[in-house]
N, C-alpha and C. Protein backbone atom coordinates (compact mmCIF):
# COMPACT_ATOMS: atom_id res chain seq x y z
N UNK A 1 218.82 1.78 130.02
CA UNK A 1 218.51 2.54 130.00
C UNK A 1 217.90 3.43 131.21
N UNK A 2 218.00 4.53 131.20
CA UNK A 2 217.58 4.47 132.86
C UNK A 2 215.97 5.26 132.79
N UNK A 3 214.93 5.43 132.98
CA UNK A 3 214.34 6.36 132.56
C UNK A 3 214.13 7.27 133.23
N UNK A 4 213.26 8.22 132.79
CA UNK A 4 213.46 9.73 133.88
C UNK A 4 211.94 10.22 134.18
N UNK A 5 210.79 10.69 134.85
CA UNK A 5 209.58 11.21 134.61
C UNK A 5 209.39 12.18 133.42
N UNK A 6 208.58 12.18 132.33
CA UNK A 6 208.48 13.24 131.29
C UNK A 6 207.64 13.97 131.80
N UNK A 7 206.53 14.51 132.89
CA UNK A 7 206.14 15.88 132.52
C UNK A 7 205.03 16.61 131.96
N UNK A 8 205.43 17.42 131.78
CA UNK A 8 204.21 17.70 130.78
C UNK A 8 204.55 18.39 129.32
N UNK A 9 203.31 18.49 128.48
CA UNK A 9 204.38 18.27 126.87
C UNK A 9 205.15 19.81 126.43
N UNK A 10 204.71 20.62 126.84
CA UNK A 10 205.69 22.27 126.36
C UNK A 10 206.22 22.56 127.35
N UNK A 11 207.34 21.24 128.30
CA UNK A 11 207.21 21.68 129.36
C UNK A 11 209.23 21.74 128.64
N UNK A 12 210.49 22.37 129.71
CA UNK A 12 211.92 22.57 129.18
C UNK A 12 212.38 20.81 128.82
N UNK A 13 212.84 20.70 127.96
CA UNK A 13 213.45 19.22 128.15
C UNK A 13 215.12 19.05 128.26
N UNK A 14 214.94 17.85 129.48
CA UNK A 14 216.14 17.84 130.46
C UNK A 14 217.35 16.38 129.82
N UNK A 15 218.49 16.41 129.47
CA UNK A 15 219.10 15.43 129.24
C UNK A 15 220.20 14.92 129.93
N UNK A 16 220.34 13.78 130.41
CA UNK A 16 221.16 13.65 131.45
C UNK A 16 222.25 12.24 131.28
N UNK A 17 223.09 12.69 131.14
CA UNK A 17 223.30 11.74 130.61
C UNK A 17 225.40 11.21 131.58
N UNK A 18 225.78 10.10 131.72
CA UNK A 18 227.05 9.92 132.43
C UNK A 18 226.92 10.58 134.15
N UNK A 19 225.74 10.92 134.38
CA UNK A 19 226.13 11.76 135.24
C UNK A 19 226.24 12.90 135.81
N UNK A 20 226.00 13.66 134.44
CA UNK A 20 225.81 14.93 133.68
C UNK A 20 224.34 15.57 133.36
N UNK A 21 223.86 16.59 134.21
CA UNK A 21 222.13 17.22 133.23
C UNK A 21 222.94 17.79 132.79
N UNK A 22 222.52 17.70 131.64
CA UNK A 22 221.95 18.77 130.58
C UNK A 22 220.78 19.40 129.78
N UNK A 23 221.04 20.26 130.47
CA UNK A 23 219.35 21.52 130.53
C UNK A 23 218.94 22.10 129.07
N UNK A 24 218.21 21.58 128.35
CA UNK A 24 217.79 21.94 126.96
C UNK A 24 216.46 22.98 126.95
N UNK A 25 217.22 24.31 126.97
CA UNK A 25 215.81 24.96 127.56
C UNK A 25 214.87 25.13 126.22
N UNK A 26 213.63 25.72 126.04
CA UNK A 26 212.93 26.26 125.23
C UNK A 26 213.73 27.38 124.54
N UNK A 27 213.29 26.99 123.16
CA UNK A 27 214.44 27.67 122.46
C UNK A 27 215.00 27.24 121.70
N UNK A 28 215.65 26.12 121.79
CA UNK A 28 216.94 25.11 121.17
C UNK A 28 217.28 25.92 120.27
N UNK A 29 216.55 26.06 118.92
CA UNK A 29 216.69 26.46 117.93
C UNK A 29 216.90 28.11 117.39
N UNK A 30 216.76 28.64 119.00
CA UNK A 30 216.85 29.83 119.05
C UNK A 30 218.01 30.08 117.73
N UNK A 31 218.62 31.48 117.13
CA UNK A 31 219.67 31.77 116.72
C UNK A 31 220.22 33.05 117.49
N UNK A 32 221.88 32.56 118.46
CA UNK A 32 222.42 33.22 118.83
C UNK A 32 223.46 33.48 118.70
N UNK A 33 224.24 33.94 118.95
CA UNK A 33 225.57 34.11 118.29
C UNK A 33 226.97 33.39 119.53
N UNK A 34 227.02 32.66 119.04
CA UNK A 34 227.88 31.60 119.59
C UNK A 34 228.92 32.29 120.50
N UNK A 35 229.09 31.65 121.39
CA UNK A 35 230.50 31.88 122.89
C UNK A 35 231.57 31.40 122.43
N UNK A 36 232.77 31.84 121.70
CA UNK A 36 233.66 30.70 121.47
C UNK A 36 234.44 31.09 122.24
N UNK A 37 234.65 31.87 123.23
CA UNK A 37 235.53 31.86 124.28
C UNK A 37 235.74 31.18 124.87
N UNK A 38 235.15 30.37 125.43
CA UNK A 38 234.84 28.87 126.55
C UNK A 38 235.54 28.30 126.88
N UNK A 39 236.41 27.98 125.65
CA UNK A 39 237.64 26.75 124.95
C UNK A 39 238.58 27.40 124.07
N UNK A 40 239.72 27.60 124.64
CA UNK A 40 241.13 28.82 123.85
C UNK A 40 241.84 27.78 123.74
N UNK A 41 241.68 26.67 124.44
CA UNK A 41 242.60 25.89 123.79
C UNK A 41 242.83 25.08 122.92
N UNK A 42 243.13 24.33 122.16
CA UNK A 42 243.28 23.36 120.70
C UNK A 42 242.43 22.19 121.53
N UNK A 43 241.78 21.42 120.62
CA UNK A 43 240.79 19.95 121.33
C UNK A 43 241.70 18.85 121.53
N UNK A 44 241.64 18.00 122.24
CA UNK A 44 242.80 17.05 122.04
C UNK A 44 242.96 16.12 121.23
N UNK A 45 244.42 15.62 120.83
CA UNK A 45 244.66 14.48 119.39
C UNK A 45 243.55 14.13 118.69
N UNK A 46 243.27 13.64 119.30
CA UNK A 46 241.86 12.34 118.77
C UNK A 46 240.58 13.38 118.25
N UNK A 47 240.59 14.22 119.20
CA UNK A 47 239.40 15.02 118.40
C UNK A 47 240.00 16.07 116.82
N UNK A 48 241.30 16.56 117.27
CA UNK A 48 242.27 17.14 116.08
C UNK A 48 242.33 16.30 114.71
N UNK A 49 242.47 14.87 114.58
CA UNK A 49 242.21 13.82 114.19
C UNK A 49 241.25 14.03 113.11
N UNK A 50 240.18 14.35 114.28
CA UNK A 50 238.88 13.67 113.70
C UNK A 50 238.32 14.70 112.92
N UNK A 51 239.04 16.11 113.23
CA UNK A 51 238.13 17.38 112.41
C UNK A 51 239.04 17.62 111.51
N UNK A 52 240.54 17.73 110.74
CA UNK A 52 241.41 18.22 110.33
C UNK A 52 241.11 16.89 108.63
N UNK A 53 240.94 18.27 107.73
CA UNK A 53 240.89 17.34 106.41
C UNK A 53 242.17 16.34 105.82
N UNK A 54 242.81 17.18 106.12
CA UNK A 54 244.44 16.40 105.84
C UNK A 54 245.53 15.93 106.82
N UNK A 55 245.84 14.74 106.06
CA UNK A 55 246.69 14.08 107.23
C UNK A 55 246.16 13.57 108.26
N UNK A 56 244.89 13.23 108.32
CA UNK A 56 244.28 12.90 109.34
C UNK A 56 243.20 11.34 108.45
N UNK A 57 242.65 10.74 109.63
CA UNK A 57 242.02 9.64 109.40
C UNK A 57 240.62 9.95 108.68
N UNK A 58 240.50 11.54 108.57
CA UNK A 58 239.18 11.84 107.38
C UNK A 58 239.67 11.43 106.29
N UNK A 59 240.54 11.18 105.95
CA UNK A 59 241.17 11.24 104.23
C UNK A 59 240.95 9.61 103.97
N UNK A 60 240.78 8.78 104.61
CA UNK A 60 240.25 7.35 104.92
C UNK A 60 239.03 7.09 103.70
N UNK A 61 238.58 6.46 102.84
CA UNK A 61 237.44 5.94 102.44
C UNK A 61 236.65 4.91 102.75
N UNK A 62 237.01 4.83 103.86
CA UNK A 62 236.62 3.65 104.78
C UNK A 62 235.44 4.58 105.35
N UNK A 63 235.59 5.73 105.57
CA UNK A 63 233.85 6.10 106.00
C UNK A 63 233.01 6.26 105.18
N UNK A 64 232.06 5.85 105.82
CA UNK A 64 230.71 5.59 105.12
C UNK A 64 229.39 6.54 105.32
N UNK A 65 228.62 6.77 104.69
CA UNK A 65 227.34 7.14 104.82
C UNK A 65 226.21 6.72 104.48
N UNK A 66 226.33 5.40 103.94
CA UNK A 66 225.09 4.32 103.16
C UNK A 66 225.54 3.34 103.59
N UNK A 67 225.25 2.24 104.15
CA UNK A 67 225.94 0.88 104.00
C UNK A 67 225.45 0.16 102.55
N UNK A 68 223.88 0.68 102.63
CA UNK A 68 223.42 -0.15 101.43
C UNK A 68 224.33 -0.05 99.64
N UNK A 69 225.02 0.89 99.82
CA UNK A 69 225.96 0.97 98.70
C UNK A 69 226.62 0.19 98.59
N UNK A 70 227.80 0.21 99.48
CA UNK A 70 228.71 -1.46 99.91
C UNK A 70 228.47 -2.72 99.70
N UNK A 71 226.67 -3.02 100.47
CA UNK A 71 225.83 -3.78 100.30
C UNK A 71 225.99 -4.88 98.78
N UNK A 72 225.66 -3.63 98.13
CA UNK A 72 225.06 -4.28 96.81
C UNK A 72 225.99 -4.66 96.16
N UNK A 73 227.34 -4.08 96.23
CA UNK A 73 228.73 -4.02 95.90
C UNK A 73 229.43 -5.63 95.86
N UNK A 74 229.10 -5.65 97.36
CA UNK A 74 229.22 -7.07 98.02
C UNK A 74 228.32 -7.86 97.01
N UNK A 75 227.77 -8.04 97.02
CA UNK A 75 226.67 -9.02 96.93
C UNK A 75 226.96 -9.34 95.52
N UNK A 76 227.59 -8.14 94.71
CA UNK A 76 227.67 -8.22 93.54
C UNK A 76 229.02 -9.21 92.83
N UNK A 77 229.91 -8.70 93.74
CA UNK A 77 231.04 -9.39 93.66
C UNK A 77 231.05 -10.82 93.81
N UNK A 78 230.07 -11.00 95.38
CA UNK A 78 229.93 -12.28 95.61
C UNK A 78 228.82 -13.34 94.91
N UNK A 79 227.86 -13.04 94.42
CA UNK A 79 226.75 -13.95 93.68
C UNK A 79 226.76 -13.94 92.33
N UNK A 80 227.61 -12.78 91.77
CA UNK A 80 227.74 -13.31 90.16
C UNK A 80 229.40 -12.99 90.31
N UNK A 81 229.66 -12.05 90.66
CA UNK A 81 231.99 -12.37 90.14
C UNK A 81 232.30 -13.07 88.17
N UNK A 82 231.40 -11.92 87.71
CA UNK A 82 231.82 -12.14 86.17
C UNK A 82 231.69 -10.39 85.82
N UNK A 83 231.25 -9.40 86.62
CA UNK A 83 231.62 -8.13 85.78
C UNK A 83 232.30 -6.98 85.96
N UNK A 84 232.58 -6.94 85.01
CA UNK A 84 233.88 -5.66 85.03
C UNK A 84 233.68 -4.41 85.17
N UNK A 85 234.29 -3.83 85.61
CA UNK A 85 234.44 -2.09 85.93
C UNK A 85 233.15 -1.39 85.04
N UNK A 86 233.36 -1.69 83.95
CA UNK A 86 232.05 -1.14 82.84
C UNK A 86 231.19 -1.62 82.96
N UNK A 87 230.85 -2.84 83.15
CA UNK A 87 229.43 -3.10 83.81
C UNK A 87 228.68 -2.88 84.56
N UNK A 88 229.48 -2.31 85.52
CA UNK A 88 228.78 -1.68 87.25
C UNK A 88 228.24 0.16 86.48
N UNK A 89 227.22 -0.08 85.55
CA UNK A 89 226.51 1.36 84.97
C UNK A 89 225.72 2.02 85.86
N UNK A 90 225.91 1.35 86.90
CA UNK A 90 224.77 2.38 87.77
C UNK A 90 224.94 3.23 89.05
N UNK A 91 226.21 3.31 88.86
CA UNK A 91 227.28 4.06 89.03
C UNK A 91 228.78 4.26 88.41
N UNK A 92 229.22 5.90 88.66
CA UNK A 92 230.79 6.44 88.34
C UNK A 92 231.53 5.09 88.38
N UNK A 93 232.88 5.06 87.08
CA UNK A 93 233.64 4.35 87.51
C UNK A 93 234.84 4.56 88.64
N UNK A 94 235.01 6.21 89.13
CA UNK A 94 234.99 6.43 90.34
C UNK A 94 234.63 5.73 91.31
N UNK A 95 233.21 5.97 91.87
CA UNK A 95 232.60 5.39 92.71
C UNK A 95 232.95 3.77 93.04
N UNK A 96 232.95 2.75 91.66
CA UNK A 96 233.37 2.16 91.48
C UNK A 96 234.66 1.32 92.88
N UNK A 97 235.53 2.17 92.15
CA UNK A 97 236.93 1.84 92.98
C UNK A 97 236.90 2.60 93.96
N UNK A 98 236.37 3.31 94.52
CA UNK A 98 236.03 3.39 96.28
C UNK A 98 235.48 2.32 96.97
N UNK A 99 234.26 1.82 96.06
CA UNK A 99 233.82 0.70 97.31
C UNK A 99 234.41 -0.33 96.97
N UNK A 100 235.18 -1.01 95.13
CA UNK A 100 236.07 -1.92 95.35
C UNK A 100 236.92 -1.64 96.14
N UNK A 101 237.74 -1.02 96.32
CA UNK A 101 239.19 -0.99 97.83
C UNK A 101 238.48 -1.13 98.95
N UNK A 102 237.23 -0.54 99.13
CA UNK A 102 236.66 -0.51 100.51
C UNK A 102 236.75 -2.18 100.70
N UNK A 103 235.46 -3.10 99.72
CA UNK A 103 235.26 -4.15 100.04
C UNK A 103 237.01 -5.26 100.25
N UNK A 104 237.51 -4.95 99.49
CA UNK A 104 239.48 -5.09 99.77
C UNK A 104 239.61 -5.14 100.53
N UNK A 105 239.36 -3.77 101.48
CA UNK A 105 240.41 -3.85 102.91
C UNK A 105 239.69 -4.58 103.71
N UNK A 106 237.79 -4.88 103.71
CA UNK A 106 237.46 -5.77 104.64
C UNK A 106 237.98 -7.46 104.54
N UNK A 107 237.64 -7.34 103.48
CA UNK A 107 237.64 -9.09 102.96
C UNK A 107 238.65 -9.42 102.97
N UNK A 108 240.09 -8.94 102.76
CA UNK A 108 240.93 -9.21 102.43
C UNK A 108 241.78 -10.21 101.07
N UNK A 109 242.42 -11.58 101.65
CA UNK A 109 242.18 -12.66 101.02
C UNK A 109 241.18 -13.25 99.89
N UNK A 110 240.15 -12.90 100.40
CA UNK A 110 238.79 -13.70 100.09
C UNK A 110 238.27 -12.70 98.42
N UNK A 111 238.79 -11.28 98.31
CA UNK A 111 238.19 -11.04 97.58
C UNK A 111 239.46 -10.52 96.67
N UNK A 112 239.29 -11.48 95.04
CA UNK A 112 240.56 -12.14 93.92
C UNK A 112 239.84 -11.09 92.82
N UNK A 113 240.62 -11.12 91.61
CA UNK A 113 240.10 -10.76 90.32
C UNK A 113 240.97 -11.55 89.37
N UNK A 114 240.49 -11.28 88.03
CA UNK A 114 241.02 -12.51 86.94
C UNK A 114 240.79 -11.58 85.60
N UNK A 115 242.22 -11.75 85.34
CA UNK A 115 241.94 -10.95 83.87
C UNK A 115 241.18 -11.20 82.56
N UNK A 116 240.48 -10.80 81.83
CA UNK A 116 239.60 -11.43 80.51
C UNK A 116 240.02 -9.87 79.46
N UNK A 117 239.29 -10.60 78.40
CA UNK A 117 239.42 -10.24 77.14
C UNK A 117 238.76 -8.62 77.58
N UNK A 118 237.77 -8.35 78.22
CA UNK A 118 236.73 -7.71 79.04
C UNK A 118 237.26 -6.85 79.76
N UNK A 119 238.63 -7.32 80.14
CA UNK A 119 238.92 -6.44 81.57
C UNK A 119 238.96 -7.11 82.40
N UNK A 120 239.06 -6.32 83.89
CA UNK A 120 239.54 -6.98 85.40
C UNK A 120 238.32 -6.86 85.84
N UNK A 121 238.45 -8.49 86.25
CA UNK A 121 236.83 -8.74 87.13
C UNK A 121 237.25 -9.34 88.74
N UNK A 122 236.93 -8.60 89.10
CA UNK A 122 236.95 -9.24 90.81
C UNK A 122 235.68 -9.91 91.39
N UNK A 123 235.88 -10.43 92.38
CA UNK A 123 234.85 -11.32 92.83
C UNK A 123 235.61 -11.93 94.43
N UNK A 124 234.28 -12.67 94.63
CA UNK A 124 234.58 -12.88 95.68
C UNK A 124 235.17 -14.37 96.01
N UNK A 125 236.10 -14.73 96.20
CA UNK A 125 236.03 -16.49 96.55
C UNK A 125 236.00 -16.75 97.91
N UNK A 126 235.11 -17.75 98.36
CA UNK A 126 235.74 -18.22 99.58
C UNK A 126 235.13 -19.85 99.63
N UNK A 127 236.35 -20.95 100.33
CA UNK A 127 236.02 -22.07 100.48
C UNK A 127 235.62 -22.35 101.92
N UNK A 128 234.39 -22.84 102.15
CA UNK A 128 234.09 -23.18 103.86
C UNK A 128 234.69 -23.96 104.11
N UNK A 129 235.91 -25.32 102.99
CA UNK A 129 236.08 -26.17 103.92
C UNK A 129 237.01 -25.51 104.35
N UNK A 130 238.17 -24.47 104.17
CA UNK A 130 239.35 -24.09 104.55
C UNK A 130 239.02 -22.41 105.52
N UNK A 131 238.31 -22.31 105.25
CA UNK A 131 238.17 -21.09 106.41
C UNK A 131 237.39 -21.26 108.00
N UNK A 132 237.69 -20.31 109.17
CA UNK A 132 236.85 -21.17 109.88
C UNK A 132 235.99 -20.44 110.40
N UNK A 133 235.26 -19.15 109.12
CA UNK A 133 233.62 -17.82 109.88
C UNK A 133 234.21 -17.61 108.53
N UNK A 134 232.80 -17.44 108.31
CA UNK A 134 231.73 -16.26 106.79
C UNK A 134 232.71 -15.20 106.86
N UNK A 135 233.96 -14.78 106.66
CA UNK A 135 233.88 -13.69 106.21
C UNK A 135 233.43 -12.20 106.37
N UNK A 136 232.08 -12.11 105.38
CA UNK A 136 231.44 -11.23 104.79
C UNK A 136 231.34 -10.47 106.64
N UNK A 137 231.04 -11.35 107.97
CA UNK A 137 230.75 -10.75 108.45
C UNK A 137 231.52 -9.37 108.90
N UNK A 138 232.56 -8.77 108.49
CA UNK A 138 233.24 -8.03 108.71
C UNK A 138 232.63 -6.29 108.21
N UNK A 139 232.14 -7.45 107.07
CA UNK A 139 231.26 -5.88 106.58
C UNK A 139 229.82 -5.81 107.12
N UNK A 140 229.37 -6.74 107.59
CA UNK A 140 228.14 -6.02 108.26
C UNK A 140 228.13 -5.80 109.92
N UNK A 141 229.58 -5.83 110.71
CA UNK A 141 229.93 -5.51 111.27
C UNK A 141 230.24 -3.91 111.37
N UNK A 142 230.27 -3.39 109.92
CA UNK A 142 230.50 -1.75 110.04
C UNK A 142 228.99 -1.14 109.98
N UNK A 143 229.21 0.32 110.70
CA UNK A 143 228.06 0.90 110.58
C UNK A 143 228.04 2.52 109.98
N UNK A 144 226.92 2.50 110.12
CA UNK A 144 227.37 3.91 108.77
C UNK A 144 227.21 4.96 109.72
N UNK A 145 228.84 5.94 108.88
CA UNK A 145 229.05 6.93 109.73
C UNK A 145 229.28 8.14 108.72
N UNK A 146 229.44 8.97 109.75
CA UNK A 146 229.95 10.54 108.71
C UNK A 146 231.29 11.42 109.63
N UNK A 147 232.52 12.07 109.04
CA UNK A 147 233.24 13.28 109.88
C UNK A 147 232.70 13.21 110.65
N UNK A 148 231.50 13.89 110.78
CA UNK A 148 230.69 14.36 112.51
C UNK A 148 230.08 14.05 113.17
N UNK A 149 229.90 12.58 113.16
CA UNK A 149 229.38 11.44 113.76
C UNK A 149 230.86 11.12 114.65
N UNK A 150 231.88 10.99 113.80
CA UNK A 150 232.89 11.12 114.99
C UNK A 150 233.38 12.26 115.92
N UNK A 151 233.16 12.90 114.95
CA UNK A 151 233.77 14.65 115.70
C UNK A 151 232.94 14.66 117.05
N UNK A 152 231.49 14.50 116.71
CA UNK A 152 230.64 15.56 117.49
C UNK A 152 231.11 14.08 118.91
N UNK A 153 230.81 13.30 118.69
CA UNK A 153 231.31 11.97 119.70
C UNK A 153 232.06 12.60 120.84
N UNK A 154 233.12 12.99 120.55
CA UNK A 154 233.87 13.13 121.20
C UNK A 154 233.68 14.73 121.80
N UNK A 155 233.41 15.53 121.02
CA UNK A 155 233.04 17.15 121.36
C UNK A 155 232.13 16.98 122.65
N UNK A 156 231.13 16.21 122.80
CA UNK A 156 230.09 16.19 123.37
C UNK A 156 230.45 15.42 124.06
N UNK A 157 231.34 14.61 125.03
CA UNK A 157 231.90 14.01 125.38
C UNK A 157 233.19 15.02 126.35
N UNK A 158 233.68 15.50 125.90
CA UNK A 158 234.34 17.00 126.97
C UNK A 158 233.66 18.21 126.24
N UNK A 159 232.74 18.02 126.69
CA UNK A 159 231.83 19.45 126.77
C UNK A 159 230.83 19.23 128.23
N UNK A 160 231.06 17.35 128.41
CA UNK A 160 229.81 16.99 129.66
C UNK A 160 230.70 16.73 130.80
N UNK A 161 232.28 16.92 130.63
CA UNK A 161 232.51 16.27 131.03
C UNK A 161 233.30 17.39 132.66
N UNK A 162 232.55 18.52 132.56
CA UNK A 162 232.55 19.07 134.34
C UNK A 162 231.67 18.28 134.95
N UNK A 163 230.30 17.73 134.67
CA UNK A 163 229.82 16.74 135.22
C UNK A 163 228.51 18.36 135.87
N UNK A 164 228.60 19.33 135.28
CA UNK A 164 227.84 20.08 135.16
C UNK A 164 226.33 20.14 134.57
N UNK A 165 225.26 21.61 134.70
CA UNK A 165 223.71 21.36 133.97
C UNK A 165 224.29 22.01 132.61
N UNK A 166 224.16 21.75 131.21
CA UNK A 166 224.52 22.89 130.30
C UNK A 166 223.36 22.63 129.57
N UNK A 167 222.94 24.31 128.88
CA UNK A 167 221.94 23.74 127.65
C UNK A 167 221.99 22.97 126.67
N UNK A 168 221.43 22.98 126.02
CA UNK A 168 221.76 22.71 124.08
C UNK A 168 222.68 24.31 123.82
N UNK A 169 222.03 25.50 124.23
CA UNK A 169 223.50 26.23 123.83
C UNK A 169 224.50 26.67 124.09
N UNK A 170 224.64 25.64 125.38
CA UNK A 170 226.03 25.97 126.41
C UNK A 170 227.11 25.34 125.51
N UNK A 171 226.27 23.39 125.14
CA UNK A 171 227.24 23.02 124.79
C UNK A 171 227.39 23.45 122.98
N UNK A 172 226.23 23.78 121.92
CA UNK A 172 227.12 24.65 120.88
C UNK A 172 227.83 25.38 121.07
N UNK A 173 228.35 25.95 122.24
CA UNK A 173 229.42 27.55 122.72
C UNK A 173 230.17 26.27 123.00
N UNK A 174 230.53 25.64 123.29
CA UNK A 174 231.69 24.83 124.37
C UNK A 174 232.63 24.05 123.42
N UNK A 175 232.01 23.37 122.09
CA UNK A 175 231.56 22.55 121.19
C UNK A 175 231.98 23.45 119.81
N UNK A 176 231.45 24.94 119.34
CA UNK A 176 232.30 25.50 118.72
C UNK A 176 233.56 26.54 118.45
N UNK A 177 233.71 26.34 120.54
CA UNK A 177 235.25 26.95 120.47
C UNK A 177 236.73 25.94 119.69
N UNK A 178 235.77 25.07 120.59
CA UNK A 178 236.95 23.75 120.41
C UNK A 178 236.90 23.60 118.91
N UNK A 179 236.04 23.34 118.42
CA UNK A 179 235.69 22.61 116.89
C UNK A 179 236.54 23.65 116.02
N UNK A 180 235.93 25.27 116.65
CA UNK A 180 236.77 26.41 115.04
C UNK A 180 238.46 26.29 115.89
N UNK A 181 239.03 26.08 116.57
CA UNK A 181 240.38 25.88 117.07
C UNK A 181 240.54 24.98 116.43
N UNK A 182 240.48 24.50 115.66
CA UNK A 182 241.61 23.97 114.49
C UNK A 182 241.34 24.20 113.47
N UNK A 183 242.34 24.51 112.30
CA UNK A 183 242.44 25.25 111.41
C UNK A 183 242.38 23.96 110.37
N UNK A 184 241.40 24.31 109.28
CA UNK A 184 240.93 23.58 108.43
C UNK A 184 239.90 22.75 108.56
N UNK A 185 239.61 23.25 109.63
CA UNK A 185 237.83 21.78 110.04
C UNK A 185 236.79 22.31 109.02
N UNK A 186 235.73 21.26 109.32
CA UNK A 186 234.62 21.35 108.16
C UNK A 186 233.80 22.07 108.82
N UNK A 187 233.27 22.50 108.14
CA UNK A 187 232.02 23.56 108.38
C UNK A 187 231.51 23.52 109.85
N UNK A 188 230.52 24.28 111.17
CA UNK A 188 230.02 23.23 112.40
C UNK A 188 229.02 23.21 111.96
N UNK A 189 228.74 21.84 112.77
CA UNK A 189 227.26 21.41 112.50
C UNK A 189 226.19 22.22 113.54
N UNK A 190 225.39 22.95 113.07
CA UNK A 190 224.17 23.24 113.70
C UNK A 190 223.68 22.31 114.84
N UNK A 191 222.69 23.53 115.39
CA UNK A 191 221.93 22.98 116.68
C UNK A 191 221.06 21.79 116.18
N UNK A 192 220.38 21.71 115.23
CA UNK A 192 219.81 20.58 114.78
C UNK A 192 220.58 19.56 114.77
N UNK A 193 221.93 19.67 113.99
CA UNK A 193 222.36 18.43 113.95
C UNK A 193 223.26 17.68 115.35
N UNK A 194 223.51 19.09 116.27
CA UNK A 194 223.64 18.32 117.99
C UNK A 194 222.34 17.80 118.60
N UNK A 195 221.64 18.81 119.08
CA UNK A 195 220.52 17.97 119.51
C UNK A 195 219.89 16.62 119.02
N UNK A 196 219.70 16.47 117.48
CA UNK A 196 219.88 15.00 116.80
C UNK A 196 221.15 14.06 117.62
N UNK A 197 222.04 14.41 117.56
CA UNK A 197 223.03 13.53 118.49
C UNK A 197 222.85 13.04 119.33
N UNK A 198 222.36 14.19 120.00
CA UNK A 198 221.74 13.96 121.97
C UNK A 198 220.73 12.85 121.84
N UNK A 199 219.47 13.47 121.19
CA UNK A 199 218.66 12.45 120.70
C UNK A 199 218.91 10.98 120.71
N UNK A 200 219.66 10.74 119.87
CA UNK A 200 220.68 9.67 119.02
C UNK A 200 220.98 8.51 120.57
N UNK A 201 221.97 9.60 121.40
CA UNK A 201 222.31 8.70 122.67
C UNK A 201 221.42 8.87 123.34
N UNK A 202 219.84 9.14 123.62
CA UNK A 202 218.86 9.49 124.51
C UNK A 202 218.49 8.56 124.13
N UNK A 203 218.44 7.85 122.81
CA UNK A 203 217.57 6.08 122.74
C UNK A 203 218.54 5.28 122.70
N UNK A 204 219.70 4.83 122.49
CA UNK A 204 220.89 4.14 122.70
C UNK A 204 221.33 3.87 124.19
N UNK A 205 220.68 4.84 125.29
CA UNK A 205 221.04 4.59 126.54
C UNK A 205 222.01 5.53 127.37
N UNK A 206 222.85 6.27 126.79
CA UNK A 206 223.82 6.84 126.83
C UNK A 206 223.71 8.34 127.89
N UNK A 207 222.96 8.74 127.27
CA UNK A 207 221.77 9.64 127.91
C UNK A 207 220.30 9.61 128.77
N UNK A 208 220.23 10.71 128.91
CA UNK A 208 219.05 9.77 129.87
C UNK A 208 217.96 11.80 129.59
N UNK A 209 216.42 11.59 129.48
CA UNK A 209 216.47 12.76 129.08
C UNK A 209 214.65 12.78 129.87
N UNK A 210 214.03 13.87 130.48
CA UNK A 210 213.22 14.06 131.13
C UNK A 210 212.63 15.63 130.87
N UNK A 211 211.75 15.84 131.27
CA UNK A 211 210.69 16.73 130.72
C UNK A 211 210.13 17.48 132.64
N UNK A 212 210.27 18.81 132.33
CA UNK A 212 209.83 19.93 133.76
C UNK A 212 209.09 20.58 133.05
N UNK A 213 208.09 21.19 134.11
CA UNK A 213 207.58 22.27 133.90
C UNK A 213 208.17 23.44 133.38
N UNK A 214 207.40 24.71 132.40
CA UNK A 214 208.35 25.72 132.19
C UNK A 214 207.99 26.53 133.08
N UNK A 215 208.60 27.91 133.40
CA UNK A 215 208.29 28.50 134.23
C UNK A 215 207.70 29.79 134.11
N UNK A 216 206.71 30.39 134.47
CA UNK A 216 205.72 31.32 133.85
C UNK A 216 206.41 32.42 134.40
């Protein structure tokens, strides 16, 4: 990550990424009418898929918001392996089914089950003598994310594609026009959500930030 000079405490925040400078002026969160006319074209197909509720990857339950939940289920399936669906009292039956399906999708053949008088029992069975690697790595490679994270990622890249200088308000306006062009799209994220995503990219080194003195 390339560090930029800080400047004064009450200055304008700038974010620079991929050769593009984004100027976020004071009053980031000021409520203003979004200019949705900047982009009249529909989003690219990748963004359309991310935003559309039906008939898109957003329907897939593999999207996770909190990794700790599936991690607890994997621990139960692997360490214990004798509990039926009704034994998982800490969550609803629907929640159990969703997490079990996710585990089966990740772990494939090592996720097995047997039927008993108490019901069907799911468990993880892996023989280190016949498998080349730990199958649980597939779960650990997954990250927590939501539909907003995916959509915002592509929208932010599109907003910065012209390599110009943009304020947060301008970025939000650009995103708004494309976002709302998709029928059935989820609610548009507020400025704080967009700002947090930009700050996250700064921490990851994708974008850079610097401060300038505020004009008197």
